[in-house]
Amino acid sequence: MLDPLLRRVVDPPLDRAGAWLAARGASANVMTLGGLGIGLLSVPLLACGEYGAALLVIAVNRLVDGLDGAVARHSGGGRPLGGYLDIVCDMAFYAAVPVGFALADQRNALWATFLLASFVCAASSFLARAVLAQQRGETDDGSRGRKSFFFSAGIIEGSETILAFVLFCIFPGQFPWLAAAMAVLCLWTAFARVLEGFRGGSNTES
């Protein structure tokens, strides 16, 4: 929901940095994998209660995630494999953070599980919607930046997920409430995407 607004702010500096890195031979795929490695460090940090350090690691992961796409565009354009690798690494990182909070405090485990289940639903609806869009020949409006596949909008997107992670780290004692709210919004997003798919099908068939 916030992605189109934030893209207008963050894309220009990311694009300039991506051009600079690409000119010096940086590999977008290596950056994607390196960013995941950095992001996964949040799990032991969260498990040990090092919430400030975990927040820093999360921020670095997201910065690298923004840069790898810019590097890819300035290295001959985004390729399908790069987009595939990027989304796999994103989903792995998103799943890792609730695990860290579950390990940090046993009282978080139930809500972390609920949040992970909602992530699966949201991610499945997102990827399946992209497949459906490709089969129908639908095009992305580009409001969320240049993507290698169809991007289905929703209440919860990348910006909202990162905002939730930031709140988790700043207010770790409130994780159960925050995780429950985030899970409900993720489930609502998944449901809305399924409805969107059916409505698109009705329009296509008519």
N, C-alpha and C. Protein backbone atom coordinates (compact mmCIF):
# COMPACT_ATOMS: atom_id res chain seq x y z
N MET A 1 0.83 -1.20 0.00
CA MET A 1 0.00 0.00 0.00
C MET A 1 0.87 1.26 0.00
N LEU A 2 1.96 1.25 0.78
CA LEU A 2 2.85 2.40 0.85
C LEU A 2 3.95 2.37 -0.20
N ASP A 3 4.11 1.24 -0.87
CA ASP A 3 5.22 1.08 -1.81
C ASP A 3 5.26 2.16 -2.90
N PRO A 4 4.13 2.48 -3.57
CA PRO A 4 4.21 3.50 -4.63
C PRO A 4 4.70 4.85 -4.13
N LEU A 5 4.26 5.24 -2.92
CA LEU A 5 4.68 6.53 -2.36
C LEU A 5 6.17 6.53 -2.02
N LEU A 6 6.62 5.47 -1.34
CA LEU A 6 8.02 5.40 -0.94
C LEU A 6 8.94 5.23 -2.13
N ARG A 7 8.47 4.58 -3.18
CA ARG A 7 9.29 4.38 -4.37
C ARG A 7 9.74 5.71 -4.97
N ARG A 8 8.87 6.69 -4.91
CA ARG A 8 9.22 8.00 -5.48
C ARG A 8 10.39 8.63 -4.72
N VAL A 9 10.52 8.28 -3.45
CA VAL A 9 11.58 8.86 -2.62
C VAL A 9 12.87 8.06 -2.72
N VAL A 10 12.78 6.74 -2.63
CA VAL A 10 13.98 5.91 -2.52
C VAL A 10 14.56 5.47 -3.86
N ASP A 11 13.73 5.43 -4.90
CA ASP A 11 14.23 4.91 -6.19
C ASP A 11 15.34 5.76 -6.81
N PRO A 12 15.23 7.10 -6.84
CA PRO A 12 16.30 7.88 -7.48
C PRO A 12 17.69 7.67 -6.87
N PRO A 13 17.85 7.75 -5.52
CA PRO A 13 19.19 7.50 -4.97
C PRO A 13 19.65 6.05 -5.15
N LEU A 14 18.72 5.10 -5.06
CA LEU A 14 19.08 3.70 -5.28
C LEU A 14 19.54 3.48 -6.72
N ASP A 15 18.87 4.15 -7.66
CA ASP A 15 19.24 4.00 -9.06
C ASP A 15 20.64 4.55 -9.32
N ARG A 16 20.95 5.68 -8.72
CA ARG A 16 22.29 6.25 -8.89
C ARG A 16 23.35 5.35 -8.28
N ALA A 17 23.07 4.83 -7.09
CA ALA A 17 24.02 3.92 -6.44
C ALA A 17 24.17 2.63 -7.24
N GLY A 18 23.06 2.13 -7.78
CA GLY A 18 23.10 0.91 -8.59
C GLY A 18 23.94 1.10 -9.84
N ALA A 19 23.81 2.26 -10.47
CA ALA A 19 24.61 2.56 -11.67
C ALA A 19 26.09 2.59 -11.32
N TRP A 20 26.42 3.19 -10.19
CA TRP A 20 27.82 3.28 -9.75
C TRP A 20 28.40 1.88 -9.49
N LEU A 21 27.63 1.03 -8.81
CA LEU A 21 28.08 -0.32 -8.50
C LEU A 21 28.19 -1.18 -9.77
N ALA A 22 27.21 -1.06 -10.66
CA ALA A 22 27.23 -1.84 -11.90
C ALA A 22 28.44 -1.47 -12.74
N ALA A 23 28.79 -0.20 -12.77
CA ALA A 23 29.94 0.25 -13.55
C ALA A 23 31.25 -0.33 -13.02
N ARG A 24 31.24 -0.78 -11.77
CA ARG A 24 32.43 -1.35 -11.16
C ARG A 24 32.35 -2.87 -11.06
N GLY A 25 31.42 -3.45 -11.83
CA GLY A 25 31.37 -4.90 -11.96
C GLY A 25 30.60 -5.64 -10.90
N ALA A 26 29.78 -4.95 -10.11
CA ALA A 26 28.99 -5.63 -9.07
C ALA A 26 27.99 -6.58 -9.71
N SER A 27 27.77 -7.72 -9.07
CA SER A 27 26.81 -8.72 -9.55
C SER A 27 25.52 -8.62 -8.74
N ALA A 28 24.40 -8.44 -9.42
CA ALA A 28 23.12 -8.33 -8.72
C ALA A 28 22.78 -9.61 -7.97
N ASN A 29 23.05 -10.76 -8.57
CA ASN A 29 22.72 -12.04 -7.92
C ASN A 29 23.58 -12.27 -6.68
N VAL A 30 24.85 -11.90 -6.76
CA VAL A 30 25.73 -12.03 -5.59
C VAL A 30 25.24 -11.11 -4.47
N MET A 31 24.82 -9.92 -4.84
CA MET A 31 24.28 -8.99 -3.83
C MET A 31 23.01 -9.55 -3.20
N THR A 32 22.16 -10.17 -4.01
CA THR A 32 20.92 -10.75 -3.49
C THR A 32 21.22 -11.82 -2.45
N LEU A 33 22.15 -12.72 -2.78
CA LEU A 33 22.51 -13.79 -1.85
C LEU A 33 23.23 -13.25 -0.63
N GLY A 34 24.09 -12.25 -0.84
CA GLY A 34 24.77 -11.64 0.30
C GLY A 34 23.79 -10.94 1.22
N GLY A 35 22.79 -10.27 0.63
CA GLY A 35 21.78 -9.61 1.44
C GLY A 35 21.00 -10.60 2.28
N LEU A 36 20.69 -11.76 1.71
CA LEU A 36 20.00 -12.79 2.49
C LEU A 36 20.87 -13.26 3.65
N GLY A 37 22.15 -13.48 3.36
CA GLY A 37 23.06 -13.91 4.43
C GLY A 37 23.09 -12.90 5.57
N ILE A 38 23.14 -11.62 5.23
CA ILE A 38 23.11 -10.58 6.26
C ILE A 38 21.79 -10.61 7.01
N GLY A 39 20.69 -10.72 6.27
CA GLY A 39 19.38 -10.73 6.90
C GLY A 39 19.18 -11.88 7.87
N LEU A 40 19.74 -13.04 7.53
CA LEU A 40 19.58 -14.21 8.39
C LEU A 40 20.33 -14.07 9.72
N LEU A 41 21.28 -13.14 9.77
CA LEU A 41 21.97 -12.87 11.05
C LEU A 41 21.00 -12.32 12.08
N SER A 42 19.85 -11.82 11.63
CA SER A 42 18.86 -11.29 12.58
C SER A 42 18.32 -12.39 13.48
N VAL A 43 18.32 -13.63 13.02
CA VAL A 43 17.75 -14.71 13.83
C VAL A 43 18.51 -14.92 15.13
N PRO A 44 19.85 -15.17 15.08
CA PRO A 44 20.56 -15.31 16.36
C PRO A 44 20.56 -14.03 17.19
N LEU A 45 20.59 -12.87 16.53
CA LEU A 45 20.57 -11.62 17.29
C LEU A 45 19.26 -11.46 18.03
N LEU A 46 18.15 -11.73 17.37
CA LEU A 46 16.85 -11.66 18.03
C LEU A 46 16.73 -12.70 19.13
N ALA A 47 17.22 -13.89 18.86
CA ALA A 47 17.15 -14.96 19.85
C ALA A 47 17.90 -14.58 21.13
N CYS A 48 18.95 -13.79 20.99
CA CYS A 48 19.75 -13.35 22.15
C CYS A 48 19.24 -12.04 22.74
N GLY A 49 18.16 -11.51 22.18
CA GLY A 49 17.61 -10.27 22.71
C GLY A 49 18.34 -9.03 22.28
N GLU A 50 19.17 -9.13 21.25
CA GLU A 50 19.92 -7.97 20.74
C GLU A 50 19.07 -7.27 19.67
N TYR A 51 18.04 -6.59 20.12
CA TYR A 51 17.06 -6.05 19.19
C TYR A 51 17.60 -4.88 18.38
N GLY A 52 18.45 -4.06 18.97
CA GLY A 52 19.04 -2.95 18.24
C GLY A 52 19.93 -3.44 17.11
N ALA A 53 20.77 -4.41 17.40
CA ALA A 53 21.65 -4.97 16.38
C ALA A 53 20.84 -5.67 15.30
N ALA A 54 19.78 -6.37 15.70
CA ALA A 54 18.91 -7.05 14.73
C ALA A 54 18.25 -6.04 13.80
N LEU A 55 17.83 -4.91 14.35
CA LEU A 55 17.21 -3.87 13.54
C LEU A 55 18.19 -3.32 12.51
N LEU A 56 19.44 -3.15 12.91
CA LEU A 56 20.48 -2.68 11.98
C LEU A 56 20.68 -3.69 10.85
N VAL A 57 20.72 -4.96 11.20
CA VAL A 57 20.89 -6.02 10.20
C VAL A 57 19.71 -6.03 9.23
N ILE A 58 18.50 -5.87 9.76
CA ILE A 58 17.31 -5.83 8.91
C ILE A 58 17.38 -4.65 7.95
N ALA A 59 17.83 -3.49 8.45
CA ALA A 59 17.94 -2.31 7.60
C ALA A 59 18.96 -2.52 6.48
N VAL A 60 20.09 -3.14 6.81
CA VAL A 60 21.11 -3.40 5.80
C VAL A 60 20.58 -4.37 4.74
N ASN A 61 19.87 -5.40 5.20
CA ASN A 61 19.27 -6.36 4.26
C ASN A 61 18.35 -5.67 3.26
N ARG A 62 17.51 -4.77 3.76
CA ARG A 62 16.57 -4.08 2.89
C ARG A 62 17.28 -3.11 1.94
N LEU A 63 18.37 -2.51 2.41
CA LEU A 63 19.14 -1.63 1.55
C LEU A 63 19.75 -2.43 0.39
N VAL A 64 20.33 -3.56 0.70
CA VAL A 64 20.92 -4.41 -0.34
C VAL A 64 19.83 -4.90 -1.29
N ASP A 65 18.66 -5.21 -0.75
CA ASP A 65 17.55 -5.67 -1.58
C ASP A 65 17.12 -4.60 -2.58
N GLY A 66 17.18 -3.34 -2.16
CA GLY A 66 16.87 -2.27 -3.09
C GLY A 66 17.96 -2.04 -4.11
N LEU A 67 19.21 -2.24 -3.71
CA LEU A 67 20.33 -1.99 -4.61
C LEU A 67 20.50 -3.08 -5.67
N ASP A 68 20.17 -4.33 -5.33
CA ASP A 68 20.44 -5.39 -6.31
C ASP A 68 19.60 -5.22 -7.57
N GLY A 69 18.36 -4.75 -7.42
CA GLY A 69 17.53 -4.52 -8.59
C GLY A 69 18.08 -3.39 -9.45
N ALA A 70 18.57 -2.33 -8.79
CA ALA A 70 19.15 -1.21 -9.54
C ALA A 70 20.41 -1.65 -10.27
N VAL A 71 21.22 -2.47 -9.63
CA VAL A 71 22.42 -2.99 -10.29
C VAL A 71 22.04 -3.83 -11.50
N ALA A 72 21.01 -4.68 -11.34
CA ALA A 72 20.57 -5.53 -12.45
C ALA A 72 20.12 -4.69 -13.64
N ARG A 73 19.39 -3.62 -13.38
CA ARG A 73 18.90 -2.76 -14.47
C ARG A 73 20.04 -2.08 -15.22
N HIS A 74 21.11 -1.75 -14.51
CA HIS A 74 22.25 -1.08 -15.13
C HIS A 74 23.31 -2.07 -15.63
N SER A 75 23.00 -3.35 -15.53
CA SER A 75 23.92 -4.37 -16.03
C SER A 75 23.31 -5.11 -17.22
N GLY A 76 22.44 -4.45 -17.92
CA GLY A 76 21.84 -5.08 -19.09
C GLY A 76 20.38 -5.42 -18.92
N GLY A 77 19.78 -4.92 -17.85
CA GLY A 77 18.34 -5.17 -17.64
C GLY A 77 18.10 -6.35 -16.72
N GLY A 78 16.95 -6.32 -16.02
CA GLY A 78 16.60 -7.42 -15.12
C GLY A 78 16.33 -8.71 -15.88
N ARG A 79 16.83 -9.82 -15.37
CA ARG A 79 16.64 -11.12 -16.01
C ARG A 79 15.69 -11.96 -15.17
N PRO A 80 14.98 -12.90 -15.80
CA PRO A 80 14.02 -13.73 -15.05
C PRO A 80 14.65 -14.44 -13.86
N LEU A 81 15.87 -14.96 -14.03
CA LEU A 81 16.52 -15.68 -12.93
C LEU A 81 16.79 -14.74 -11.77
N GLY A 82 17.19 -13.51 -12.07
CA GLY A 82 17.44 -12.55 -11.00
C GLY A 82 16.19 -12.23 -10.22
N GLY A 83 15.07 -12.04 -10.94
CA GLY A 83 13.81 -11.78 -10.25
C GLY A 83 13.36 -12.95 -9.41
N TYR A 84 13.57 -14.15 -9.94
CA TYR A 84 13.23 -15.38 -9.20
C TYR A 84 14.05 -15.48 -7.92
N LEU A 85 15.37 -15.27 -8.05
CA LEU A 85 16.25 -15.36 -6.89
C LEU A 85 15.90 -14.31 -5.85
N ASP A 86 15.56 -13.12 -6.32
CA ASP A 86 15.23 -12.02 -5.41
C ASP A 86 13.99 -12.34 -4.57
N ILE A 87 12.95 -12.86 -5.22
CA ILE A 87 11.72 -13.14 -4.48
C ILE A 87 11.90 -14.30 -3.51
N VAL A 88 12.69 -15.31 -3.90
CA VAL A 88 12.97 -16.43 -2.99
C VAL A 88 13.71 -15.94 -1.75
N CYS A 89 14.72 -15.11 -1.96
CA CYS A 89 15.50 -14.60 -0.83
C CYS A 89 14.66 -13.68 0.05
N ASP A 90 13.79 -12.88 -0.56
CA ASP A 90 12.90 -12.02 0.22
C ASP A 90 12.00 -12.85 1.14
N MET A 91 11.40 -13.89 0.58
CA MET A 91 10.48 -14.71 1.37
C MET A 91 11.22 -15.45 2.49
N ALA A 92 12.45 -15.89 2.20
CA ALA A 92 13.24 -16.57 3.23
C ALA A 92 13.56 -15.61 4.38
N PHE A 93 13.90 -14.38 4.03
CA PHE A 93 14.20 -13.38 5.06
C PHE A 93 12.96 -13.04 5.88
N TYR A 94 11.84 -12.81 5.19
CA TYR A 94 10.61 -12.47 5.91
C TYR A 94 10.23 -13.58 6.90
N ALA A 95 10.44 -14.83 6.51
CA ALA A 95 10.09 -15.94 7.39
C ALA A 95 11.05 -16.05 8.57
N ALA A 96 12.30 -15.62 8.37
CA ALA A 96 13.31 -15.79 9.41
C ALA A 96 13.06 -14.90 10.62
N VAL A 97 12.56 -13.70 10.39
CA VAL A 97 12.41 -12.74 11.49
C VAL A 97 11.44 -13.24 12.57
N PRO A 98 10.24 -13.73 12.23
CA PRO A 98 9.37 -14.28 13.29
C PRO A 98 10.01 -15.44 14.04
N VAL A 99 10.82 -16.24 13.35
CA VAL A 99 11.52 -17.34 14.03
C VAL A 99 12.43 -16.79 15.11
N GLY A 100 13.13 -15.69 14.80
CA GLY A 100 14.01 -15.07 15.79
C GLY A 100 13.26 -14.63 17.03
N PHE A 101 12.08 -14.06 16.84
CA PHE A 101 11.29 -13.62 17.99
C PHE A 101 10.73 -14.81 18.77
N ALA A 102 10.40 -15.89 18.09
CA ALA A 102 9.94 -17.09 18.78
C ALA A 102 11.04 -17.67 19.65
N LEU A 103 12.27 -17.63 19.16
CA LEU A 103 13.41 -18.13 19.93
C LEU A 103 13.76 -17.21 21.10
N ALA A 104 13.46 -15.92 20.94
CA ALA A 104 13.80 -14.95 21.98
C ALA A 104 12.96 -15.13 23.24
N ASP A 105 11.70 -15.50 23.05
CA ASP A 105 10.78 -15.61 24.19
C ASP A 105 9.72 -16.65 23.85
N GLN A 106 9.59 -17.66 24.70
CA GLN A 106 8.63 -18.74 24.43
C GLN A 106 7.21 -18.21 24.30
N ARG A 107 6.91 -17.10 24.96
CA ARG A 107 5.57 -16.52 24.89
C ARG A 107 5.26 -15.97 23.49
N ASN A 108 6.31 -15.76 22.70
CA ASN A 108 6.11 -15.27 21.34
C ASN A 108 5.81 -16.38 20.35
N ALA A 109 6.04 -17.62 20.75
CA ALA A 109 6.03 -18.73 19.78
C ALA A 109 4.69 -18.88 19.08
N LEU A 110 3.60 -18.83 19.83
CA LEU A 110 2.28 -19.00 19.23
C LEU A 110 2.01 -17.92 18.19
N TRP A 111 2.34 -16.67 18.53
CA TRP A 111 2.04 -15.55 17.64
C TRP A 111 2.99 -15.52 16.46
N ALA A 112 4.22 -15.96 16.68
CA ALA A 112 5.16 -16.08 15.56
C ALA A 112 4.67 -17.13 14.57
N THR A 113 4.11 -18.23 15.09
CA THR A 113 3.57 -19.27 14.23
C THR A 113 2.38 -18.76 13.42
N PHE A 114 1.50 -18.03 14.09
CA PHE A 114 0.35 -17.42 13.42
C PHE A 114 0.81 -16.46 12.32
N LEU A 115 1.84 -15.66 12.63
CA LEU A 115 2.37 -14.72 11.66
C LEU A 115 3.00 -15.44 10.47
N LEU A 116 3.75 -16.50 10.74
CA LEU A 116 4.35 -17.27 9.65
C LEU A 116 3.29 -17.88 8.73
N ALA A 117 2.23 -18.39 9.34
CA ALA A 117 1.14 -18.96 8.53
C ALA A 117 0.51 -17.89 7.64
N SER A 118 0.35 -16.70 8.17
CA SER A 118 -0.23 -15.61 7.37
C SER A 118 0.72 -15.18 6.26
N PHE A 119 2.04 -15.23 6.54
CA PHE A 119 3.03 -14.93 5.50
C PHE A 119 2.92 -15.93 4.34
N VAL A 120 2.73 -17.20 4.69
CA VAL A 120 2.59 -18.23 3.65
C VAL A 120 1.37 -17.93 2.78
N CYS A 121 0.26 -17.58 3.42
CA CYS A 121 -0.96 -17.26 2.66
C CYS A 121 -0.74 -16.04 1.76
N ALA A 122 -0.14 -14.99 2.31
CA ALA A 122 0.08 -13.77 1.54
C ALA A 122 1.05 -14.02 0.38
N ALA A 123 2.14 -14.74 0.67
CA ALA A 123 3.13 -15.02 -0.37
C ALA A 123 2.54 -15.90 -1.47
N SER A 124 1.76 -16.90 -1.08
CA SER A 124 1.14 -17.79 -2.06
C SER A 124 0.18 -17.03 -2.95
N SER A 125 -0.62 -16.15 -2.35
CA SER A 125 -1.57 -15.38 -3.15
C SER A 125 -0.84 -14.42 -4.08
N PHE A 126 0.27 -13.89 -3.64
CA PHE A 126 1.06 -12.96 -4.44
C PHE A 126 1.67 -13.65 -5.66
N LEU A 127 2.30 -14.80 -5.42
CA LEU A 127 2.96 -15.52 -6.51
C LEU A 127 1.95 -16.17 -7.46
N ALA A 128 0.89 -16.72 -6.90
CA ALA A 128 -0.13 -17.34 -7.75
C ALA A 128 -0.84 -16.29 -8.59
N ARG A 129 -1.03 -15.11 -8.04
CA ARG A 129 -1.65 -14.02 -8.81
C ARG A 129 -0.76 -13.61 -9.98
N ALA A 130 0.55 -13.64 -9.77
CA ALA A 130 1.49 -13.31 -10.84
C ALA A 130 1.40 -14.33 -11.97
N VAL A 131 1.28 -15.60 -11.60
CA VAL A 131 1.14 -16.66 -12.61
C VAL A 131 -0.15 -16.46 -13.40
N LEU A 132 -1.23 -16.19 -12.68
CA LEU A 132 -2.52 -15.98 -13.32
C LEU A 132 -2.47 -14.79 -14.27
N ALA A 133 -1.81 -13.72 -13.83
CA ALA A 133 -1.70 -12.52 -14.66
C ALA A 133 -0.94 -12.81 -15.94
N GLN A 134 0.12 -13.60 -15.83
CA GLN A 134 0.90 -13.94 -17.02
C GLN A 134 0.06 -14.76 -18.00
N GLN A 135 -0.71 -15.69 -17.47
CA GLN A 135 -1.55 -16.53 -18.33
C GLN A 135 -2.61 -15.70 -19.04
N ARG A 136 -3.09 -14.67 -18.39
CA ARG A 136 -4.13 -13.82 -18.99
C ARG A 136 -3.55 -12.68 -19.84
N GLY A 137 -2.25 -12.48 -19.75
CA GLY A 137 -1.64 -11.38 -20.48
C GLY A 137 -1.82 -10.04 -19.82
N GLU A 138 -2.05 -10.01 -18.49
CA GLU A 138 -2.20 -8.75 -17.77
C GLU A 138 -0.83 -8.09 -17.62
N THR A 139 -0.82 -6.77 -17.56
CA THR A 139 0.43 -6.03 -17.41
C THR A 139 0.45 -5.27 -16.09
N ASP A 140 1.65 -5.08 -15.56
CA ASP A 140 1.85 -4.32 -14.32
C ASP A 140 1.78 -2.83 -14.64
N ASP A 141 1.17 -2.05 -13.74
CA ASP A 141 1.07 -0.61 -14.00
C ASP A 141 2.37 0.13 -13.71
N GLY A 142 3.34 -0.54 -13.11
CA GLY A 142 4.65 0.07 -12.88
C GLY A 142 4.73 1.02 -11.70
N SER A 143 3.66 1.15 -10.92
CA SER A 143 3.66 2.11 -9.81
C SER A 143 4.57 1.69 -8.67
N ARG A 144 4.96 0.42 -8.64
CA ARG A 144 5.84 -0.08 -7.60
C ARG A 144 7.25 -0.36 -8.13
N GLY A 145 7.61 0.36 -9.18
CA GLY A 145 8.92 0.19 -9.78
C GLY A 145 8.92 -0.90 -10.83
N ARG A 146 10.02 -0.99 -11.55
CA ARG A 146 10.15 -2.01 -12.58
C ARG A 146 10.34 -3.38 -11.95
N LYS A 147 9.46 -4.31 -12.30
CA LYS A 147 9.51 -5.66 -11.74
C LYS A 147 9.71 -6.67 -12.86
N SER A 148 10.26 -7.83 -12.49
CA SER A 148 10.47 -8.88 -13.49
C SER A 148 9.23 -9.75 -13.65
N PHE A 149 8.18 -9.48 -12.86
CA PHE A 149 6.93 -10.23 -12.96
C PHE A 149 5.79 -9.34 -12.47
N PHE A 150 4.56 -9.79 -12.68
CA PHE A 150 3.38 -9.02 -12.29
C PHE A 150 3.35 -8.84 -10.77
N PHE A 151 3.16 -7.61 -10.33
CA PHE A 151 3.14 -7.29 -8.90
C PHE A 151 1.72 -6.98 -8.49
N SER A 152 1.14 -7.84 -7.65
CA SER A 152 -0.23 -7.65 -7.19
C SER A 152 -0.23 -6.80 -5.92
N ALA A 153 -0.93 -5.69 -5.96
CA ALA A 153 -0.98 -4.78 -4.82
C ALA A 153 -1.77 -5.39 -3.67
N GLY A 154 -1.59 -4.82 -2.48
CA GLY A 154 -2.32 -5.30 -1.32
C GLY A 154 -2.13 -4.37 -0.14
N ILE A 155 -2.87 -4.62 0.92
CA ILE A 155 -2.71 -3.82 2.14
C ILE A 155 -1.31 -3.99 2.70
N ILE A 156 -0.83 -5.23 2.69
CA ILE A 156 0.52 -5.52 3.18
C ILE A 156 1.43 -5.82 2.01
N GLU A 157 2.44 -4.97 1.84
CA GLU A 157 3.46 -5.17 0.82
C GLU A 157 4.82 -5.06 1.52
N GLY A 158 5.85 -4.81 0.74
CA GLY A 158 7.18 -4.77 1.33
C GLY A 158 7.35 -3.69 2.38
N SER A 159 6.86 -2.49 2.11
CA SER A 159 7.03 -1.37 3.04
C SER A 159 6.36 -1.64 4.37
N GLU A 160 5.15 -2.16 4.33
CA GLU A 160 4.42 -2.45 5.57
C GLU A 160 5.09 -3.57 6.36
N THR A 161 5.66 -4.55 5.65
CA THR A 161 6.34 -5.65 6.33
C THR A 161 7.57 -5.13 7.08
N ILE A 162 8.35 -4.27 6.42
CA ILE A 162 9.53 -3.72 7.07
C ILE A 162 9.14 -2.82 8.24
N LEU A 163 8.07 -2.04 8.08
CA LEU A 163 7.59 -1.23 9.19
C LEU A 163 7.22 -2.10 10.38
N ALA A 164 6.58 -3.23 10.11
CA ALA A 164 6.23 -4.16 11.19
C ALA A 164 7.49 -4.69 11.88
N PHE A 165 8.50 -5.05 11.10
CA PHE A 165 9.74 -5.56 11.68
C PHE A 165 10.41 -4.51 12.56
N VAL A 166 10.37 -3.26 12.10
CA VAL A 166 10.95 -2.17 12.90
C VAL A 166 10.21 -2.04 14.23
N LEU A 167 8.88 -2.09 14.17
CA LEU A 167 8.10 -2.00 15.41
C LEU A 167 8.36 -3.19 16.32
N PHE A 168 8.51 -4.37 15.74
CA PHE A 168 8.83 -5.55 16.55
C PHE A 168 10.12 -5.32 17.35
N CYS A 169 11.13 -4.76 16.69
CA CYS A 169 12.43 -4.57 17.33
C CYS A 169 12.42 -3.44 18.35
N ILE A 170 11.64 -2.39 18.07
CA ILE A 170 11.57 -1.26 19.00
C ILE A 170 10.73 -1.59 20.22
N PHE A 171 9.68 -2.37 20.00
CA PHE A 171 8.77 -2.74 21.10
C PHE A 171 8.68 -4.27 21.21
N PRO A 172 9.78 -4.94 21.54
CA PRO A 172 9.76 -6.41 21.58
C PRO A 172 8.77 -6.99 22.58
N GLY A 173 8.49 -6.26 23.64
CA GLY A 173 7.52 -6.75 24.62
C GLY A 173 6.10 -6.79 24.10
N GLN A 174 5.85 -6.04 23.04
CA GLN A 174 4.51 -6.00 22.43
C GLN A 174 4.41 -6.90 21.20
N PHE A 175 5.40 -7.78 21.01
CA PHE A 175 5.40 -8.62 19.82
C PHE A 175 4.10 -9.40 19.62
N PRO A 176 3.54 -10.04 20.65
CA PRO A 176 2.30 -10.80 20.42
C PRO A 176 1.19 -9.96 19.79
N TRP A 177 0.97 -8.76 20.33
CA TRP A 177 -0.09 -7.91 19.79
C TRP A 177 0.24 -7.43 18.38
N LEU A 178 1.48 -7.01 18.17
CA LEU A 178 1.88 -6.52 16.86
C LEU A 178 1.84 -7.62 15.81
N ALA A 179 2.30 -8.82 16.20
CA ALA A 179 2.30 -9.95 15.27
C ALA A 179 0.88 -10.36 14.92
N ALA A 180 -0.01 -10.34 15.90
CA ALA A 180 -1.41 -10.70 15.63
C ALA A 180 -2.04 -9.72 14.65
N ALA A 181 -1.79 -8.42 14.86
CA ALA A 181 -2.34 -7.41 13.95
C ALA A 181 -1.77 -7.59 12.54
N MET A 182 -0.48 -7.82 12.45
CA MET A 182 0.16 -8.01 11.15
C MET A 182 -0.40 -9.25 10.45
N ALA A 183 -0.60 -10.32 11.20
CA ALA A 183 -1.12 -11.56 10.62
C ALA A 183 -2.51 -11.36 10.05
N VAL A 184 -3.36 -10.66 10.78
CA VAL A 184 -4.72 -10.40 10.29
C VAL A 184 -4.68 -9.62 8.99
N LEU A 185 -3.81 -8.61 8.91
CA LEU A 185 -3.70 -7.80 7.70
C LEU A 185 -3.14 -8.62 6.53
N CYS A 186 -2.21 -9.53 6.82
CA CYS A 186 -1.68 -10.41 5.77
C CYS A 186 -2.77 -11.33 5.23
N LEU A 187 -3.57 -11.89 6.13
CA LEU A 187 -4.66 -12.77 5.70
C LEU A 187 -5.69 -12.00 4.88
N TRP A 188 -5.98 -10.78 5.29
CA TRP A 188 -6.91 -9.95 4.53
C TRP A 188 -6.35 -9.65 3.14
N THR A 189 -5.05 -9.38 3.07
CA THR A 189 -4.40 -9.13 1.78
C THR A 189 -4.52 -10.35 0.88
N ALA A 190 -4.27 -11.54 1.42
CA ALA A 190 -4.38 -12.77 0.64
C ALA A 190 -5.80 -12.97 0.12
N PHE A 191 -6.78 -12.74 0.99
CA PHE A 191 -8.18 -12.89 0.60
C PHE A 191 -8.55 -11.90 -0.51
N ALA A 192 -8.08 -10.66 -0.39
CA ALA A 192 -8.37 -9.64 -1.39
C ALA A 192 -7.75 -10.01 -2.74
N ARG A 193 -6.56 -10.60 -2.72
CA ARG A 193 -5.93 -10.99 -3.99
C ARG A 193 -6.70 -12.13 -4.65
N VAL A 194 -7.21 -13.05 -3.86
CA VAL A 194 -8.01 -14.14 -4.43
C VAL A 194 -9.27 -13.57 -5.08
N LEU A 195 -9.92 -12.64 -4.40
CA LEU A 195 -11.11 -12.01 -4.99
C LEU A 195 -10.75 -11.27 -6.27
N GLU A 196 -9.61 -10.59 -6.26
CA GLU A 196 -9.15 -9.86 -7.45
C GLU A 196 -8.96 -10.83 -8.62
N GLY A 197 -8.40 -12.01 -8.33
CA GLY A 197 -8.21 -13.00 -9.37
C GLY A 197 -9.52 -13.46 -9.98
N PHE A 198 -10.54 -13.68 -9.14
CA PHE A 198 -11.84 -14.11 -9.65
C PHE A 198 -12.51 -12.99 -10.45
N ARG A 199 -12.38 -11.75 -9.97
CA ARG A 199 -13.00 -10.64 -10.69
C ARG A 199 -12.34 -10.43 -12.04
N GLY A 200 -11.02 -10.58 -12.06
CA GLY A 200 -10.30 -10.45 -13.32
C GLY A 200 -10.72 -11.53 -14.29
N GLY A 201 -10.99 -12.74 -13.77
CA GLY A 201 -11.43 -13.83 -14.61
C GLY A 201 -12.79 -13.56 -15.20
N SER A 202 -13.69 -12.99 -14.38
CA SER A 202 -15.04 -12.67 -14.86
C SER A 202 -14.99 -11.65 -15.96
N ASN A 203 -14.11 -10.63 -15.78
CA ASN A 203 -13.99 -9.59 -16.81
C ASN A 203 -13.42 -10.14 -18.10
N THR A 204 -12.47 -11.06 -17.95
CA THR A 204 -11.84 -11.64 -19.13
C THR A 204 -12.82 -12.49 -19.92
N GLU A 205 -13.61 -13.29 -19.19
CA GLU A 205 -14.56 -14.21 -19.85
C GLU A 205 -15.71 -13.45 -20.51
N SER A 206 -16.06 -12.29 -19.99
CA SER A 206 -17.16 -11.54 -20.56
C SER A 206 -16.71 -10.77 -21.80
